[in-house]
Amino acid sequence: PLAQWCREQGCWDLEVVERDREVEGFEVVPKRWIVERTFSWLGRSRRLSKDYERRVQTSECLMKVEMIRLILRRLARAA
């Protein structure tokens, strides 16, 4: 049901990646590092380090602003 909802709402494909139960210790899971890295970048923002906001829309807006700030900073460094 979640995959169908994602397809209907935003034309997204939901892919569930499970780790291998037989492997012990650390295992690289495809694409997970991208999500973890992005959360780490967002967590460095003082405003986003805690959940201060009352509305989800405010949190979403602040995340977008923070990602824009990160991208602009990297573009300025490259130029």
PDB file of N, CA and C in Angstrom:
ATOM      1  N   PRO A   1       0.807  -1.218   0.000  1.00  0.00           N
ATOM      2  CA  PRO A   1       0.000   0.000   0.000  1.00  0.00           C
ATOM      3  C   PRO A   1       0.846   1.277   0.000  1.00  0.00           C
ATOM      4  N   LEU A   2       1.976   1.265   0.707  1.00  0.00           N
ATOM      5  CA  LEU A   2       2.829   2.455   0.750  1.00  0.00           C
ATOM      6  C   LEU A   2       3.433   2.744  -0.624  1.00  0.00           C
ATOM      7  N   ALA A   3       3.869   1.702  -1.317  1.00  0.00           N
ATOM      8  CA  ALA A   3       4.446   1.892  -2.651  1.00  0.00           C
ATOM      9  C   ALA A   3       3.412   2.464  -3.614  1.00  0.00           C
ATOM     10  N   GLN A   4       2.185   2.002  -3.517  1.00  0.00           N
ATOM     11  CA  GLN A   4       1.130   2.510  -4.395  1.00  0.00           C
ATOM     12  C   GLN A   4       0.808   3.963  -4.048  1.00  0.00           C
ATOM     13  N   TRP A   5       0.771   4.294  -2.767  1.00  0.00           N
ATOM     14  CA  TRP A   5       0.510   5.668  -2.347  1.00  0.00           C
ATOM     15  C   TRP A   5       1.602   6.597  -2.882  1.00  0.00           C
ATOM     16  N   CYS A   6       2.864   6.164  -2.784  1.00  0.00           N
ATOM     17  CA  CYS A   6       3.977   6.976  -3.294  1.00  0.00           C
ATOM     18  C   CYS A   6       3.842   7.201  -4.792  1.00  0.00           C
ATOM     19  N   ARG A   7       3.446   6.166  -5.512  1.00  0.00           N
ATOM     20  CA  ARG A   7       3.281   6.273  -6.953  1.00  0.00           C
ATOM     21  C   ARG A   7       2.162   7.250  -7.300  1.00  0.00           C
ATOM     22  N   GLU A   8       1.059   7.183  -6.553  1.00  0.00           N
ATOM     23  CA  GLU A   8      -0.081   8.060  -6.833  1.00  0.00           C
ATOM     24  C   GLU A   8       0.197   9.507  -6.449  1.00  0.00           C
ATOM     25  N   GLN A   9       0.832   9.730  -5.320  1.00  0.00           N
ATOM     26  CA  GLN A   9       1.029  11.080  -4.810  1.00  0.00           C
ATOM     27  C   GLN A   9       2.127  11.848  -5.535  1.00  0.00           C
ATOM     28  N   GLY A  10       3.220  11.172  -5.848  1.00  0.00           N
ATOM     29  CA  GLY A  10       4.326  11.924  -6.423  1.00  0.00           C
ATOM     30  C   GLY A  10       5.049  11.234  -7.552  1.00  0.00           C
ATOM     31  N   CYS A  11       4.474  10.162  -8.087  1.00  0.00           N
ATOM     32  CA  CYS A  11       5.128   9.393  -9.149  1.00  0.00           C
ATOM     33  C   CYS A  11       6.504   8.898  -8.707  1.00  0.00           C
ATOM     34  N   TRP A  12       6.627   8.529  -7.426  1.00  0.00           N
ATOM     35  CA  TRP A  12       7.873   8.026  -6.864  1.00  0.00           C
ATOM     36  C   TRP A  12       7.858   6.507  -6.880  1.00  0.00           C
ATOM     37  N   ASP A  13       9.017   5.924  -7.070  1.00  0.00           N
ATOM     38  CA  ASP A  13       9.173   4.477  -6.946  1.00  0.00           C
ATOM     39  C   ASP A  13       9.793   4.189  -5.594  1.00  0.00           C
ATOM     40  N   LEU A  14       9.114   3.404  -4.790  1.00  0.00           N
ATOM     41  CA  LEU A  14       9.611   3.034  -3.471  1.00  0.00           C
ATOM     42  C   LEU A  14      10.386   1.732  -3.584  1.00  0.00           C
ATOM     43  N   GLU A  15      11.627   1.762  -3.132  1.00  0.00           N
ATOM     44  CA  GLU A  15      12.477   0.573  -3.168  1.00  0.00           C
ATOM     45  C   GLU A  15      12.929   0.268  -1.750  1.00  0.00           C
ATOM     46  N   VAL A  16      12.564  -0.892  -1.244  1.00  0.00           N
ATOM     47  CA  VAL A  16      12.960  -1.306   0.096  1.00  0.00           C
ATOM     48  C   VAL A  16      14.211  -2.163  -0.031  1.00  0.00           C
ATOM     49  N   VAL A  17      15.276  -1.745   0.643  1.00  0.00           N
ATOM     50  CA  VAL A  17      16.537  -2.469   0.607  1.00  0.00           C
ATOM     51  C   VAL A  17      16.781  -3.041   1.991  1.00  0.00           C
ATOM     52  N   GLU A  18      16.789  -4.363   2.074  1.00  0.00           N
ATOM     53  CA  GLU A  18      17.023  -5.018   3.350  1.00  0.00           C
ATOM     54  C   GLU A  18      18.461  -5.508   3.408  1.00  0.00           C
ATOM     55  N   ARG A  19      19.013  -5.541   4.606  1.00  0.00           N
ATOM     56  CA  ARG A  19      20.371  -6.045   4.733  1.00  0.00           C
ATOM     57  C   ARG A  19      20.342  -7.560   4.835  1.00  0.00           C
ATOM     58  N   ASP A  20      21.458  -8.168   4.463  1.00  0.00           N
ATOM     59  CA  ASP A  20      21.582  -9.620   4.478  1.00  0.00           C
ATOM     60  C   ASP A  20      21.704 -10.097   5.921  1.00  0.00           C
ATOM     61  N   ARG A  21      20.823 -10.975   6.341  1.00  0.00           N
ATOM     62  CA  ARG A  21      20.796 -11.464   7.729  1.00  0.00           C
ATOM     63  C   ARG A  21      22.009 -12.328   8.068  1.00  0.00           C
ATOM     64  N   GLU A  22      22.651 -12.924   7.067  1.00  0.00           N
ATOM     65  CA  GLU A  22      23.781 -13.806   7.312  1.00  0.00           C
ATOM     66  C   GLU A  22      25.082 -13.052   7.556  1.00  0.00           C
ATOM     67  N   VAL A  23      25.166 -11.815   7.128  1.00  0.00           N
ATOM     68  CA  VAL A  23      26.388 -11.030   7.284  1.00  0.00           C
ATOM     69  C   VAL A  23      26.426 -10.434   8.683  1.00  0.00           C
ATOM     70  N   GLU A  24      27.563 -10.617   9.349  1.00  0.00           N
ATOM     71  CA  GLU A  24      27.742 -10.015  10.675  1.00  0.00           C
ATOM     72  C   GLU A  24      28.606  -8.775  10.537  1.00  0.00           C
ATOM     73  N   GLY A  25      28.350  -7.786  11.377  1.00  0.00           N
ATOM     74  CA  GLY A  25      29.137  -6.563  11.345  1.00  0.00           C
ATOM     75  C   GLY A  25      28.620  -5.569  10.325  1.00  0.00           C
ATOM     76  N   PHE A  26      29.536  -4.717   9.867  1.00  0.00           N
ATOM     77  CA  PHE A  26      29.172  -3.633   8.954  1.00  0.00           C
ATOM     78  C   PHE A  26      29.008  -4.147   7.534  1.00  0.00           C
ATOM     79  N   GLU A  27      27.982  -3.662   6.868  1.00  0.00           N
ATOM     80  CA  GLU A  27      27.746  -3.989   5.471  1.00  0.00           C
ATOM     81  C   GLU A  27      27.237  -2.733   4.776  1.00  0.00           C
ATOM     82  N   VAL A  28      27.814  -2.431   3.633  1.00  0.00           N
ATOM     83  CA  VAL A  28      27.372  -1.268   2.864  1.00  0.00           C
ATOM     84  C   VAL A  28      26.030  -1.593   2.225  1.00  0.00           C
ATOM     85  N   VAL A  29      25.028  -0.775   2.530  1.00  0.00           N
ATOM     86  CA  VAL A  29      23.701  -0.944   1.947  1.00  0.00           C
ATOM     87  C   VAL A  29      23.549   0.113   0.860  1.00  0.00           C
ATOM     88  N   PRO A  30      23.188  -0.287  -0.371  1.00  0.00           N
ATOM     89  CA  PRO A  30      23.111   0.672  -1.476  1.00  0.00           C
ATOM     90  C   PRO A  30      22.199   1.861  -1.168  1.00  0.00           C
ATOM     91  N   LYS A  31      22.667   3.042  -1.525  1.00  0.00           N
ATOM     92  CA  LYS A  31      21.940   4.309  -1.424  1.00  0.00           C
ATOM     93  C   LYS A  31      21.687   4.781  -0.001  1.00  0.00           C
ATOM     94  N   ARG A  32      21.890   3.943   1.002  1.00  0.00           N
ATOM     95  CA  ARG A  32      21.638   4.380   2.377  1.00  0.00           C
ATOM     96  C   ARG A  32      22.621   5.458   2.801  1.00  0.00           C
ATOM     97  N   TRP A  33      23.856   5.369   2.339  1.00  0.00           N
ATOM     98  CA  TRP A  33      24.853   6.350   2.727  1.00  0.00           C
ATOM     99  C   TRP A  33      24.479   7.751   2.243  1.00  0.00           C
ATOM    100  N   ILE A  34      23.765   7.837   1.136  1.00  0.00           N
ATOM    101  CA  ILE A  34      23.340   9.145   0.629  1.00  0.00           C
ATOM    102  C   ILE A  34      22.371   9.790   1.608  1.00  0.00           C
ATOM    103  N   VAL A  35      21.433   9.009   2.104  1.00  0.00           N
ATOM    104  CA  VAL A  35      20.449   9.515   3.068  1.00  0.00           C
ATOM    105  C   VAL A  35      21.130   9.883   4.375  1.00  0.00           C
ATOM    106  N   GLU A  36      22.001   9.011   4.876  1.00  0.00           N
ATOM    107  CA  GLU A  36      22.686   9.266   6.139  1.00  0.00           C
ATOM    108  C   GLU A  36      23.562  10.512   6.047  1.00  0.00           C
ATOM    109  N   ARG A  37      24.250  10.688   4.914  1.00  0.00           N
ATOM    110  CA  ARG A  37      25.105  11.857   4.726  1.00  0.00           C
ATOM    111  C   ARG A  37      24.269  13.138   4.720  1.00  0.00           C
ATOM    112  N   THR A  38      23.124  13.102   4.048  1.00  0.00           N
ATOM    113  CA  THR A  38      22.257  14.284   3.984  1.00  0.00           C
ATOM    114  C   THR A  38      21.717  14.629   5.367  1.00  0.00           C
ATOM    115  N   PHE A  39      21.296  13.621   6.130  1.00  0.00           N
ATOM    116  CA  PHE A  39      20.843  13.877   7.505  1.00  0.00           C
ATOM    117  C   PHE A  39      21.957  14.472   8.349  1.00  0.00           C
ATOM    118  N   SER A  40      23.177  14.018   8.123  1.00  0.00           N
ATOM    119  CA  SER A  40      24.312  14.562   8.862  1.00  0.00           C
ATOM    120  C   SER A  40      24.523  16.036   8.534  1.00  0.00           C
ATOM    121  N   TRP A  41      24.440  16.374   7.252  1.00  0.00           N
ATOM    122  CA  TRP A  41      24.583  17.781   6.860  1.00  0.00           C
ATOM    123  C   TRP A  41      23.494  18.638   7.493  1.00  0.00           C
ATOM    124  N   LEU A  42      22.269  18.155   7.489  1.00  0.00           N
ATOM    125  CA  LEU A  42      21.161  18.918   8.067  1.00  0.00           C
ATOM    126  C   LEU A  42      21.317  19.030   9.578  1.00  0.00           C
ATOM    127  N   GLY A  43      21.849  17.995  10.216  1.00  0.00           N
ATOM    128  CA  GLY A  43      22.030  18.013  11.664  1.00  0.00           C
ATOM    129  C   GLY A  43      23.065  19.019  12.128  1.00  0.00           C
ATOM    130  N   ARG A  44      23.950  19.431  11.227  1.00  0.00           N
ATOM    131  CA  ARG A  44      24.965  20.422  11.594  1.00  0.00           C
ATOM    132  C   ARG A  44      24.363  21.819  11.744  1.00  0.00           C
ATOM    133  N   SER A  45      23.208  22.024  11.174  1.00  0.00           N
ATOM    134  CA  SER A  45      22.525  23.311  11.311  1.00  0.00           C
ATOM    135  C   SER A  45      21.965  23.428  12.729  1.00  0.00           C
ATOM    136  N   ARG A  46      22.296  24.509  13.392  1.00  0.00           N
ATOM    137  CA  ARG A  46      21.874  24.677  14.785  1.00  0.00           C
ATOM    138  C   ARG A  46      20.353  24.680  14.924  1.00  0.00           C
ATOM    139  N   ARG A  47      19.672  25.275  13.981  1.00  0.00           N
ATOM    140  CA  ARG A  47      18.218  25.369  14.052  1.00  0.00           C
ATOM    141  C   ARG A  47      17.552  24.007  13.851  1.00  0.00           C
ATOM    142  N   LEU A  48      18.202  23.143  13.070  1.00  0.00           N
ATOM    143  CA  LEU A  48      17.619  21.835  12.787  1.00  0.00           C
ATOM    144  C   LEU A  48      18.121  20.739  13.725  1.00  0.00           C
ATOM    145  N   SER A  49      19.025  21.082  14.641  1.00  0.00           N
ATOM    146  CA  SER A  49      19.574  20.054  15.529  1.00  0.00           C
ATOM    147  C   SER A  49      18.536  19.556  16.525  1.00  0.00           C
ATOM    148  N   LYS A  50      17.544  20.367  16.821  1.00  0.00           N
ATOM    149  CA  LYS A  50      16.441  19.975  17.709  1.00  0.00           C
ATOM    150  C   LYS A  50      15.129  20.240  16.981  1.00  0.00           C
ATOM    151  N   ASP A  51      14.081  19.646  17.454  1.00  0.00           N
ATOM    152  CA  ASP A  51      12.777  19.822  16.821  1.00  0.00           C
ATOM    153  C   ASP A  51      12.016  20.926  17.565  1.00  0.00           C
ATOM    154  N   TYR A  52      12.295  22.175  17.188  1.00  0.00           N
ATOM    155  CA  TYR A  52      11.687  23.319  17.855  1.00  0.00           C
ATOM    156  C   TYR A  52      10.332  23.698  17.257  1.00  0.00           C
ATOM    157  N   GLU A  53      10.108  23.336  16.016  1.00  0.00           N
ATOM    158  CA  GLU A  53       8.967  23.861  15.280  1.00  0.00           C
ATOM    159  C   GLU A  53       7.663  23.172  15.670  1.00  0.00           C
ATOM    160  N   ARG A  54       6.592  23.930  15.614  1.00  0.00           N
ATOM    161  CA  ARG A  54       5.263  23.387  15.912  1.00  0.00           C
ATOM    162  C   ARG A  54       4.578  22.836  14.678  1.00  0.00           C
ATOM    163  N   ARG A  55       4.938  23.364  13.518  1.00  0.00           N
ATOM    164  CA  ARG A  55       4.292  22.941  12.271  1.00  0.00           C
ATOM    165  C   ARG A  55       5.295  22.212  11.382  1.00  0.00           C
ATOM    166  N   VAL A  56       4.829  21.179  10.727  1.00  0.00           N
ATOM    167  CA  VAL A  56       5.680  20.406   9.828  1.00  0.00           C
ATOM    168  C   VAL A  56       6.144  21.270   8.658  1.00  0.00           C
ATOM    169  N   GLN A  57       5.291  22.161   8.200  1.00  0.00           N
ATOM    170  CA  GLN A  57       5.637  23.018   7.073  1.00  0.00           C
ATOM    171  C   GLN A  57       6.842  23.901   7.393  1.00  0.00           C
ATOM    172  N   THR A  58       6.935  24.354   8.631  1.00  0.00           N
ATOM    173  CA  THR A  58       8.065  25.187   9.033  1.00  0.00           C
ATOM    174  C   THR A  58       9.352  24.375   8.997  1.00  0.00           C
ATOM    175  N   SER A  59       9.308  23.158   9.516  1.00  0.00           N
ATOM    176  CA  SER A  59      10.490  22.289   9.489  1.00  0.00           C
ATOM    177  C   SER A  59      10.909  21.988   8.061  1.00  0.00           C
ATOM    178  N   GLU A  60       9.945  21.714   7.207  1.00  0.00           N
ATOM    179  CA  GLU A  60      10.236  21.420   5.808  1.00  0.00           C
ATOM    180  C   GLU A  60      10.889  22.624   5.138  1.00  0.00           C
ATOM    181  N   CYS A  61      10.369  23.797   5.403  1.00  0.00           N
ATOM    182  CA  CYS A  61      10.917  25.028   4.819  1.00  0.00           C
ATOM    183  C   CYS A  61      12.351  25.255   5.299  1.00  0.00           C
ATOM    184  N   LEU A  62      12.601  25.046   6.578  1.00  0.00           N
ATOM    185  CA  LEU A  62      13.952  25.242   7.119  1.00  0.00           C
ATOM    186  C   LEU A  62      14.938  24.242   6.528  1.00  0.00           C
ATOM    187  N   MET A  63      14.493  23.023   6.276  1.00  0.00           N
ATOM    188  CA  MET A  63      15.371  22.032   5.642  1.00  0.00           C
ATOM    189  C   MET A  63      15.725  22.454   4.223  1.00  0.00           C
ATOM    190  N   LYS A  64      14.746  22.969   3.503  1.00  0.00           N
ATOM    191  CA  LYS A  64      15.010  23.438   2.143  1.00  0.00           C
ATOM    192  C   LYS A  64      15.981  24.614   2.152  1.00  0.00           C
ATOM    193  N   VAL A  65      15.798  25.534   3.068  1.00  0.00           N
ATOM    194  CA  VAL A  65      16.693  26.687   3.172  1.00  0.00           C
ATOM    195  C   VAL A  65      18.108  26.230   3.488  1.00  0.00           C
ATOM    196  N   GLU A  66      18.243  25.276   4.384  1.00  0.00           N
ATOM    197  CA  GLU A  66      19.562  24.769   4.755  1.00  0.00           C
ATOM    198  C   GLU A  66      20.244  24.073   3.574  1.00  0.00           C
ATOM    199  N   MET A  67      19.491  23.289   2.811  1.00  0.00           N
ATOM    200  CA  MET A  67      20.084  22.627   1.650  1.00  0.00           C
ATOM    201  C   MET A  67      20.486  23.650   0.581  1.00  0.00           C
ATOM    202  N   ILE A  68      19.695  24.694   0.407  1.00  0.00           N
ATOM    203  CA  ILE A  68      20.063  25.770  -0.530  1.00  0.00           C
ATOM    204  C   ILE A  68      21.349  26.436  -0.066  1.00  0.00           C
ATOM    205  N   ARG A  69      21.460  26.680   1.236  1.00  0.00           N
ATOM    206  CA  ARG A  69      22.668  27.296   1.781  1.00  0.00           C
ATOM    207  C   ARG A  69      23.892  26.424   1.529  1.00  0.00           C
ATOM    208  N   LEU A  70      23.756  25.114   1.734  1.00  0.00           N
ATOM    209  CA  LEU A  70      24.870  24.199   1.496  1.00  0.00           C
ATOM    210  C   LEU A  70      25.295  24.193   0.031  1.00  0.00           C
ATOM    211  N   ILE A  71      24.318  24.144  -0.858  1.00  0.00           N
ATOM    212  CA  ILE A  71      24.627  24.116  -2.289  1.00  0.00           C
ATOM    213  C   ILE A  71      25.293  25.416  -2.727  1.00  0.00           C
ATOM    214  N   LEU A  72      24.769  26.546  -2.274  1.00  0.00           N
ATOM    215  CA  LEU A  72      25.358  27.843  -2.628  1.00  0.00           C
ATOM    216  C   LEU A  72      26.779  27.969  -2.109  1.00  0.00           C
ATOM    217  N   ARG A  73      27.020  27.485  -0.908  1.00  0.00           N
ATOM    218  CA  ARG A  73      28.368  27.546  -0.334  1.00  0.00           C
ATOM    219  C   ARG A  73      29.343  26.714  -1.165  1.00  0.00           C
ATOM    220  N   ARG A  74      28.912  25.563  -1.624  1.00  0.00           N
ATOM    221  CA  ARG A  74      29.780  24.721  -2.444  1.00  0.00           C
ATOM    222  C   ARG A  74      30.006  25.326  -3.829  1.00  0.00           C
ATOM    223  N   LEU A  75      28.964  25.924  -4.398  1.00  0.00           N
ATOM    224  CA  LEU A  75      29.124  26.574  -5.684  1.00  0.00           C
ATOM    225  C   LEU A  75      30.084  27.766  -5.591  1.00  0.00           C
ATOM    226  N   ALA A  76      29.989  28.525  -4.520  1.00  0.00           N
ATOM    227  CA  ALA A  76      30.870  29.677  -4.340  1.00  0.00           C
ATOM    228  C   ALA A  76      32.315  29.223  -4.161  1.00  0.00           C
ATOM    229  N   ARG A  77      32.507  28.102  -3.473  1.00  0.00           N
ATOM    230  CA  ARG A  77      33.855  27.570  -3.260  1.00  0.00           C
ATOM    231  C   ARG A  77      34.461  27.112  -4.588  1.00  0.00           C
ATOM    232  N   ALA A  78      33.621  26.540  -5.458  1.00  0.00           N
ATOM    233  CA  ALA A  78      34.109  26.037  -6.748  1.00  0.00           C
ATOM    234  C   ALA A  78      34.422  27.175  -7.715  1.00  0.00           C
ATOM    235  N   ALA A  79      33.782  28.310  -7.561  1.00  0.00           N
ATOM    236  CA  ALA A  79      33.950  29.421  -8.503  1.00  0.00           C
ATOM    237  C   ALA A  79      35.137  30.270  -8.198  1.00  0.00           C
TER     238      ALA A  79
END
